[in-house]
C-alpha atoms as a PDB file:
ATOM      1  CA  MET A   1      34.380  53.634  22.301  1.00  0.00           C
ATOM      2  CA  SER A   2      33.627  50.280  20.713  1.00  0.00           C
ATOM      3  CA  LEU A   3      32.121  46.856  21.191  1.00  0.00           C
ATOM      4  CA  ALA A   4      33.742  43.466  21.598  1.00  0.00           C
ATOM      5  CA  HIS A   5      32.726  39.846  21.936  1.00  0.00           C
ATOM      6  CA  LEU A   6      32.341  38.468  25.408  1.00  0.00           C
ATOM      7  CA  ASP A   7      34.165  35.258  26.265  1.00  0.00           C
ATOM      8  CA  THR A   8      32.265  32.347  24.753  1.00  0.00           C
ATOM      9  CA  ARG A   9      33.558  29.678  27.096  1.00  0.00           C
ATOM     10  CA  PRO A  10      31.142  26.754  27.687  1.00  0.00           C
ATOM     11  CA  SER A  11      30.517  28.023  31.209  1.00  0.00           C
ATOM     12  CA  ALA A  12      29.189  31.318  29.862  1.00  0.00           C
ATOM     13  CA  PRO A  13      28.229  30.988  26.188  1.00  0.00           C
ATOM     14  CA  ILE A  14      26.802  34.066  24.518  1.00  0.00           C
ATOM     15  CA  ALA A  15      26.054  35.121  20.996  1.00  0.00           C
ATOM     16  CA  SER A  16      28.052  37.560  18.900  1.00  0.00           C
ATOM     17  CA  ILE A  17      27.725  41.296  18.984  1.00  0.00           C
ATOM     18  CA  GLY A  18      25.140  43.265  17.039  1.00  0.00           C
ATOM     19  CA  ARG A  19      22.844  46.248  16.949  1.00  0.00           C
ATOM     20  CA  PRO A  20      20.861  47.049  20.126  1.00  0.00           C
ATOM     21  CA  GLU A  21      17.664  45.602  18.721  1.00  0.00           C
ATOM     22  CA  GLN A  22      19.491  42.273  18.446  1.00  0.00           C
ATOM     23  CA  PHE A  23      20.403  42.283  22.137  1.00  0.00           C
ATOM     24  CA  ALA A  24      16.955  41.154  23.188  1.00  0.00           C
ATOM     25  CA  ALA A  25      15.111  38.418  24.985  1.00  0.00           C
ATOM     26  CA  GLU A  26      11.837  37.729  23.261  1.00  0.00           C
ATOM     27  CA  SER A  27       9.457  37.716  26.164  1.00  0.00           C
ATOM     28  CA  THR A  28       6.369  39.650  27.096  1.00  0.00           C
ATOM     29  CA  PRO A  29       6.567  41.383  30.495  1.00  0.00           C
ATOM     30  CA  ALA A  30       3.550  41.349  32.746  1.00  0.00           C
ATOM     31  CA  ARG A  31       3.177  45.120  32.484  1.00  0.00           C
ATOM     32  CA  LEU A  32       4.058  46.365  29.041  1.00  0.00           C
ATOM     33  CA  ARG A  33       4.003  50.056  28.219  1.00  0.00           C
ATOM     34  CA  ALA A  34       1.662  51.096  25.456  1.00  0.00           C
ATOM     35  CA  VAL A  35       3.152  50.694  21.983  1.00  0.00           C
ATOM     36  CA  PRO A  36       2.130  52.696  18.898  1.00  0.00           C
ATOM     37  CA  THR A  37      -0.702  51.345  16.793  1.00  0.00           C
ATOM     38  CA  GLY A  38       0.515  48.957  14.124  1.00  0.00           C
ATOM     39  CA  THR A  39       3.566  47.794  16.088  1.00  0.00           C
ATOM     40  CA  GLU A  40       4.252  44.918  18.433  1.00  0.00           C
ATOM     41  CA  ALA A  41       6.782  44.289  21.169  1.00  0.00           C
ATOM     42  CA  ARG A  42       9.449  41.808  20.063  1.00  0.00           C
ATOM     43  CA  GLY A  43      11.858  41.971  22.989  1.00  0.00           C
ATOM     44  CA  PHE A  44      13.805  44.388  25.136  1.00  0.00           C
ATOM     45  CA  VAL A  45      17.280  45.721  25.890  1.00  0.00           C
ATOM     46  CA  LEU A  46      18.696  45.713  29.430  1.00  0.00           C
ATOM     47  CA  TYR A  47      21.740  47.971  29.807  1.00  0.00           C
ATOM     48  CA  VAL A  48      24.066  46.738  32.551  1.00  0.00           C
ATOM     49  CA  GLY A  49      26.829  49.118  33.601  1.00  0.00           C
ATOM     50  CA  ILE A  50      29.751  47.516  35.453  1.00  0.00           C
ATOM     51  CA  ASP A  51      33.479  47.349  34.675  1.00  0.00           C
ATOM     52  CA  GLU A  52      35.754  44.354  35.179  1.00  0.00           C
ATOM     53  CA  ASP A  53      37.299  45.674  38.395  1.00  0.00           C
ATOM     54  CA  LYS A  54      33.912  46.268  40.028  1.00  0.00           C
ATOM     55  CA  ALA A  55      32.715  42.836  38.937  1.00  0.00           C
ATOM     56  CA  ALA A  56      35.845  41.252  40.411  1.00  0.00           C
ATOM     57  CA  ALA A  57      35.319  43.138  43.675  1.00  0.00           C
ATOM     58  CA  ASP A  58      31.825  41.666  43.761  1.00  0.00           C
ATOM     59  CA  GLY A  59      33.261  38.200  43.338  1.00  0.00           C
ATOM     60  CA  THR A  60      32.224  37.641  39.735  1.00  0.00           C
ATOM     61  CA  ASP A  61      33.085  38.614  36.154  1.00  0.00           C
ATOM     62  CA  LEU A  62      31.220  39.899  33.120  1.00  0.00           C
ATOM     63  CA  SER A  63      30.912  36.484  31.466  1.00  0.00           C
ATOM     64  CA  GLU A  64      29.372  35.002  34.600  1.00  0.00           C
ATOM     65  CA  ILE A  65      26.872  37.875  34.872  1.00  0.00           C
ATOM     66  CA  VAL A  66      25.849  37.312  31.254  1.00  0.00           C
ATOM     67  CA  ALA A  67      25.545  33.555  31.812  1.00  0.00           C
ATOM     68  CA  GLN A  68      23.307  34.091  34.853  1.00  0.00           C
ATOM     69  CA  LEU A  69      21.079  36.577  33.027  1.00  0.00           C
ATOM     70  CA  ARG A  70      20.729  34.219  30.068  1.00  0.00           C
ATOM     71  CA  ALA A  71      19.890  31.356  32.412  1.00  0.00           C
ATOM     72  CA  LEU A  72      17.241  33.493  34.116  1.00  0.00           C
ATOM     73  CA  ALA A  73      15.709  34.426  30.756  1.00  0.00           C
ATOM     74  CA  ALA A  74      15.596  30.762  29.756  1.00  0.00           C
ATOM     75  CA  GLN A  75      13.986  29.865  33.087  1.00  0.00           C
ATOM     76  CA  LEU A  76      11.319  32.557  32.797  1.00  0.00           C
ATOM     77  CA  SER A  77      10.644  31.880  29.124  1.00  0.00           C
ATOM     78  CA  PRO A  78      12.261  28.819  27.491  1.00  0.00           C
ATOM     79  CA  SER A  79      11.400  30.160  24.022  1.00  0.00           C
ATOM     80  CA  SER A  80      13.327  33.417  24.559  1.00  0.00           C
ATOM     81  CA  GLU A  81      16.402  34.240  22.478  1.00  0.00           C
ATOM     82  CA  THR A  82      19.304  36.271  23.849  1.00  0.00           C
ATOM     83  CA  TYR A  83      22.138  38.233  22.268  1.00  0.00           C
ATOM     84  CA  ALA A  84      24.839  39.880  24.382  1.00  0.00           C
ATOM     85  CA  ALA A  85      27.682  42.334  23.778  1.00  0.00           C
ATOM     86  CA  VAL A  86      30.271  44.124  25.902  1.00  0.00           C
ATOM     87  CA  ALA A  87      31.001  47.853  25.529  1.00  0.00           C
ATOM     88  CA  LEU A  88      34.625  49.026  25.513  1.00  0.00           C
ATOM     89  CA  ALA A  89      36.051  52.470  26.305  1.00  0.00           C
ATOM     90  CA  PRO A  90      39.588  53.822  26.811  1.00  0.00           C
ATOM     91  CA  ARG A  91      40.825  53.106  30.333  1.00  0.00           C
ATOM     92  CA  GLY A  92      40.303  56.101  32.591  1.00  0.00           C
ATOM     93  CA  ALA A  93      37.842  57.761  30.195  1.00  0.00           C
ATOM     94  CA  GLY A  94      35.435  58.485  33.063  1.00  0.00           C
ATOM     95  CA  GLY A  95      31.659  58.684  33.045  1.00  0.00           C
ATOM     96  CA  ARG A  96      29.100  56.213  34.295  1.00  0.00           C
ATOM     97  CA  ASP A  97      29.500  52.627  33.099  1.00  0.00           C
ATOM     98  CA  VAL A  98      25.876  52.423  32.006  1.00  0.00           C
ATOM     99  CA  ASP A  99      26.261  55.569  29.881  1.00  0.00           C
ATOM    100  CA  VAL A 100      29.246  54.017  28.100  1.00  0.00           C
ATOM    101  CA  VAL A 101      27.147  50.935  27.350  1.00  0.00           C
ATOM    102  CA  ARG A 102      24.210  52.975  26.080  1.00  0.00           C
ATOM    103  CA  LEU A 103      26.430  55.005  23.758  1.00  0.00           C
ATOM    104  CA  ALA A 104      28.254  51.961  22.437  1.00  0.00           C
ATOM    105  CA  LEU A 105      24.965  50.213  21.680  1.00  0.00           C
ATOM    106  CA  GLN A 106      23.624  53.308  19.902  1.00  0.00           C
ATOM    107  CA  ASP A 107      20.807  54.072  22.335  1.00  0.00           C
ATOM    108  CA  PRO A 108      19.031  57.078  20.714  1.00  0.00           C
ATOM    109  CA  ALA A 109      18.482  58.983  23.973  1.00  0.00           C
ATOM    110  CA  ALA A 110      22.123  58.527  25.021  1.00  0.00           C
ATOM    111  CA  LEU A 111      23.366  59.602  21.585  1.00  0.00           C
ATOM    112  CA  ALA A 112      21.252  62.764  21.732  1.00  0.00           C
ATOM    113  CA  LYS A 113      22.722  63.700  25.120  1.00  0.00           C
ATOM    114  CA  HIS A 114      26.236  62.975  23.894  1.00  0.00           C
ATOM    115  CA  ARG A 115      25.819  65.176  20.812  1.00  0.00           C
ATOM    116  CA  HIS A 116      24.718  68.144  22.937  1.00  0.00           C
ATOM    117  CA  ALA A 117      27.346  67.747  25.665  1.00  0.00           C
ATOM    118  CA  PRO A 118      30.279  70.230  25.603  1.00  0.00           C
ATOM    119  CA  ALA A 119      33.258  68.707  23.787  1.00  0.00           C
ATOM    120  CA  ASP A 120      35.632  69.356  26.706  1.00  0.00           C
ATOM    121  CA  GLU A 121      33.297  67.973  29.342  1.00  0.00           C
ATOM    122  CA  ASP A 122      34.274  64.491  30.495  1.00  0.00           C
ATOM    123  CA  ARG A 123      31.790  63.693  33.205  1.00  0.00           C
ATOM    124  CA  ALA A 124      28.594  61.761  33.666  1.00  0.00           C
ATOM    125  CA  ARG A 125      25.275  63.437  33.011  1.00  0.00           C
ATOM    126  CA  ASP A 126      23.503  64.371  36.242  1.00  0.00           C
ATOM    127  CA  GLY A 127      20.040  63.677  34.858  1.00  0.00           C
ATOM    128  CA  VAL A 128      16.734  65.208  35.918  1.00  0.00           C
ATOM    129  CA  VAL A 129      15.731  66.183  39.448  1.00  0.00           C
ATOM    130  CA  ILE A 130      12.054  67.056  39.820  1.00  0.00           C
ATOM    131  CA  ASP A 131      11.685  68.706  43.216  1.00  0.00           C
ATOM    132  CA  LEU A 132       7.955  68.864  43.879  1.00  0.00           C
ATOM    133  CA  SER A 133       8.248  70.478  47.303  1.00  0.00           C
ATOM    134  CA  ARG A 134      10.377  73.368  46.040  1.00  0.00           C
ATOM    135  CA  LYS A 135       8.701  73.487  42.621  1.00  0.00           C
ATOM    136  CA  ARG A 136      11.836  73.323  40.559  1.00  0.00           C
ATOM    137  CA  VAL A 137      13.418  71.091  37.932  1.00  0.00           C
ATOM    138  CA  LEU A 138      17.170  70.589  37.573  1.00  0.00           C
ATOM    139  CA  LEU A 139      18.636  69.356  34.290  1.00  0.00           C
ATOM    140  CA  ASP A 140      22.234  68.179  34.742  1.00  0.00           C
ATOM    141  CA  ASN A 141      22.331  70.326  37.902  1.00  0.00           C
ATOM    142  CA  GLU A 142      21.110  73.441  36.077  1.00  0.00           C
ATOM    143  CA  ALA A 143      17.715  74.935  36.884  1.00  0.00           C
ATOM    144  CA  ALA A 144      15.168  74.635  34.071  1.00  0.00           C
ATOM    145  CA  ASN A 145      13.384  77.931  33.491  1.00  0.00           C
ATOM    146  CA  LEU A 146       9.835  76.579  33.674  1.00  0.00           C
ATOM    147  CA  THR A 147       6.842  78.868  34.070  1.00  0.00           C
ATOM    148  CA  TYR A 148       4.416  78.226  36.900  1.00  0.00           C
ATOM    149  CA  LYS A 149       1.938  76.568  34.519  1.00  0.00           C
ATOM    150  CA  GLU A 150       4.622  74.437  32.857  1.00  0.00           C
ATOM    151  CA  PHE A 151       5.713  73.125  36.244  1.00  0.00           C
ATOM    152  CA  GLU A 152       2.086  72.431  37.177  1.00  0.00           C
ATOM    153  CA  LEU A 153       1.655  70.458  33.976  1.00  0.00           C
ATOM    154  CA  LEU A 154       4.767  68.372  34.625  1.00  0.00           C
ATOM    155  CA  GLN A 155       3.857  67.876  38.285  1.00  0.00           C
ATOM    156  CA  TYR A 156       0.363  66.678  37.370  1.00  0.00           C
ATOM    157  CA  LEU A 157       1.838  63.974  35.136  1.00  0.00           C
ATOM    158  CA  VAL A 158       4.548  63.030  37.643  1.00  0.00           C
ATOM    159  CA  LEU A 159       2.044  62.512  40.466  1.00  0.00           C
ATOM    160  CA  ARG A 160       0.062  60.194  38.200  1.00  0.00           C
ATOM    161  CA  GLU A 161       3.034  58.210  36.990  1.00  0.00           C
ATOM    162  CA  GLY A 162       2.084  55.185  34.924  1.00  0.00           C
ATOM    163  CA  ARG A 163      -1.278  56.610  33.862  1.00  0.00           C
ATOM    164  CA  THR A 164      -1.996  58.279  30.530  1.00  0.00           C
ATOM    165  CA  ILE A 165      -3.759  61.604  31.110  1.00  0.00           C
ATOM    166  CA  ASP A 166      -6.062  62.850  28.379  1.00  0.00           C
ATOM    167  CA  ARG A 167      -6.109  66.473  27.262  1.00  0.00           C
ATOM    168  CA  ALA A 168      -9.531  67.217  28.713  1.00  0.00           C
ATOM    169  CA  GLU A 169      -8.393  66.151  32.187  1.00  0.00           C
ATOM    170  CA  LEU A 170      -5.284  68.323  31.987  1.00  0.00           C
ATOM    171  CA  ILE A 171      -7.325  71.355  30.991  1.00  0.00           C
ATOM    172  CA  GLY A 172     -10.020  70.794  33.611  1.00  0.00           C
ATOM    173  CA  SER A 173      -7.502  70.216  36.394  1.00  0.00           C
ATOM    174  CA  LEU A 174      -4.911  72.903  35.648  1.00  0.00           C
ATOM    175  CA  TRP A 175      -7.031  75.803  34.399  1.00  0.00           C
ATOM    176  CA  SER A 176      -9.940  77.422  36.235  1.00  0.00           C
ATOM    177  CA  ALA A 177     -12.989  78.951  34.602  1.00  0.00           C
ATOM    178  CA  ASP A 178     -11.762  82.515  35.177  1.00  0.00           C
ATOM    179  CA  ASP A 179      -8.348  81.965  33.563  1.00  0.00           C
ATOM    180  CA  SER A 180      -7.852  84.170  30.521  1.00  0.00           C
ATOM    181  CA  ASP A 181      -5.766  81.656  28.587  1.00  0.00           C
ATOM    182  CA  ILE A 182      -7.711  78.398  28.924  1.00  0.00           C
ATOM    183  CA  PRO A 183      -6.504  76.093  26.138  1.00  0.00           C
ATOM    184  CA  ASN A 184      -8.648  73.694  24.181  1.00  0.00           C
ATOM    185  CA  GLU A 185      -7.777  70.095  23.419  1.00  0.00           C
ATOM    186  CA  ARG A 186      -5.689  71.156  20.437  1.00  0.00           C
ATOM    187  CA  THR A 187      -3.817  74.074  21.963  1.00  0.00           C
ATOM    188  CA  ILE A 188      -2.894  72.043  25.061  1.00  0.00           C
ATOM    189  CA  ASP A 189      -0.361  70.409  22.740  1.00  0.00           C
ATOM    190  CA  VAL A 190       1.371  73.797  22.436  1.00  0.00           C
ATOM    191  CA  HIS A 191       1.848  73.933  26.211  1.00  0.00           C
ATOM    192  CA  VAL A 192       3.305  70.410  26.179  1.00  0.00           C
ATOM    193  CA  ARG A 193       5.690  71.293  23.326  1.00  0.00           C
ATOM    194  CA  ARG A 194       6.948  74.328  25.245  1.00  0.00           C
ATOM    195  CA  LEU A 195       7.504  72.198  28.329  1.00  0.00           C
ATOM    196  CA  ARG A 196       9.403  69.601  26.325  1.00  0.00           C
ATOM    197  CA  ALA A 197      11.532  72.267  24.672  1.00  0.00           C
ATOM    198  CA  LYS A 198      12.672  73.442  28.115  1.00  0.00           C
ATOM    199  CA  LEU A 199      13.423  69.866  29.185  1.00  0.00           C
ATOM    200  CA  GLY A 200      15.947  69.682  26.332  1.00  0.00           C
ATOM    201  CA  ASP A 201      17.703  66.333  26.092  1.00  0.00           C
ATOM    202  CA  TYR A 202      15.250  64.915  28.622  1.00  0.00           C
ATOM    203  CA  GLU A 203      12.064  65.781  26.737  1.00  0.00           C
ATOM    204  CA  ASP A 204      11.208  62.091  26.466  1.00  0.00           C
ATOM    205  CA  ILE A 205      10.092  61.994  30.110  1.00  0.00           C
ATOM    206  CA  VAL A 206       6.840  63.553  28.860  1.00  0.00           C
ATOM    207  CA  ARG A 207       5.547  61.007  26.402  1.00  0.00           C
ATOM    208  CA  THR A 208       2.746  61.375  23.893  1.00  0.00           C
ATOM    209  CA  VAL A 209       0.394  58.395  23.783  1.00  0.00           C
ATOM    210  CA  ARG A 210      -1.142  58.732  20.342  1.00  0.00           C
ATOM    211  CA  GLY A 211      -4.870  59.293  20.455  1.00  0.00           C
ATOM    212  CA  ALA A 212      -4.964  59.123  24.256  1.00  0.00           C
ATOM    213  CA  GLY A 213      -2.968  61.941  25.864  1.00  0.00           C
ATOM    214  CA  TYR A 214       0.292  62.273  27.775  1.00  0.00           C
ATOM    215  CA  ARG A 215       2.208  60.246  30.329  1.00  0.00           C
ATOM    216  CA  PHE A 216       5.238  60.785  32.567  1.00  0.00           C
ATOM    217  CA  ASP A 217       7.943  58.253  31.693  1.00  0.00           C
ATOM    218  CA  ARG A 218      10.500  57.839  34.447  1.00  0.00           C
ATOM    219  CA  HIS A 219      13.896  56.366  33.544  1.00  0.00           C
ATOM    220  CA  ALA A 220      17.219  55.820  35.271  1.00  0.00           C
ATOM    221  CA  ASP A 221      18.264  59.463  34.941  1.00  0.00           C
ATOM    222  CA  VAL A 222      15.160  60.852  36.697  1.00  0.00           C
ATOM    223  CA  SER A 223      14.800  61.578  40.397  1.00  0.00           C
ATOM    224  CA  VAL A 224      11.571  62.848  41.971  1.00  0.00           C
ATOM    225  CA  GLN A 225      11.839  64.571  45.343  1.00  0.00           C
ATOM    226  CA  HIS A 226       8.688  64.939  47.409  1.00  0.00           C
ATOM    227  CA  THR A 227      10.189  66.635  50.472  1.00  0.00           C
ATOM    228  CA  SER A 228      12.641  69.492  50.920  1.00  0.00           C
ATOM    229  CA  THR A 229      16.269  68.703  51.594  1.00  0.00           C
ATOM    230  CA  PRO A 230      18.976  71.044  52.991  1.00  0.00           C
ATOM    231  CA  SER A 231      20.644  71.969  49.699  1.00  0.00           C
ATOM    232  CA  PRO A 232      21.448  75.302  48.001  1.00  0.00           C
ATOM    233  CA  ASP A 233      18.538  76.837  46.124  1.00  0.00           C
ATOM    234  CA  LEU A 234      19.769  77.066  42.538  1.00  0.00           C
ATOM    235  CA  PHE A 235      16.962  79.377  41.463  1.00  0.00           C
END
């Protein structure tokens, strides 16, 4: 797997290839996730997964897609700077296009998944399915062995997606006065660590907001199901 320059024809000029932090448009989105104290947002990376054949079937090509995205960035923010690269893989290698791009551009989360994947397994990751109605979590189509309280903790965050929940609220909402193991604001972190450990490569869906609490971070590999569907019960 490697990277290559995209065509730099006048109709679709793009910059040379570089590290993922260089593939950024310096703009500030209307809703920016909280960043750690002492840091600032300087841009973003948008991973686009599509091969040449699919682009052609859609009546376009990769250079044209890049040109249109750059034009949109310039329209939204004339001061933005863009840097684009194309990810290459052996023909017929399999897997999702977007996963190939993420690996080639050294996305930390994608690299972690790749390191832990079986060497002889050549398929796309299935991601996370959080089935609230059946109270189960599937990680790459395997049931996560969560305790009742761990699932409650995850569910509480999922149902409040986009909001940072402080430790006191988690304790007050998930533990009753007659529980024998009520945590305090320090030991609640232990419960979160155990939950993350069971989420494995997908632990980043439960994010720590320093000094504030915890938040559910949905990404492209996460699916939340609110109603039951006719599928085999993997528990």
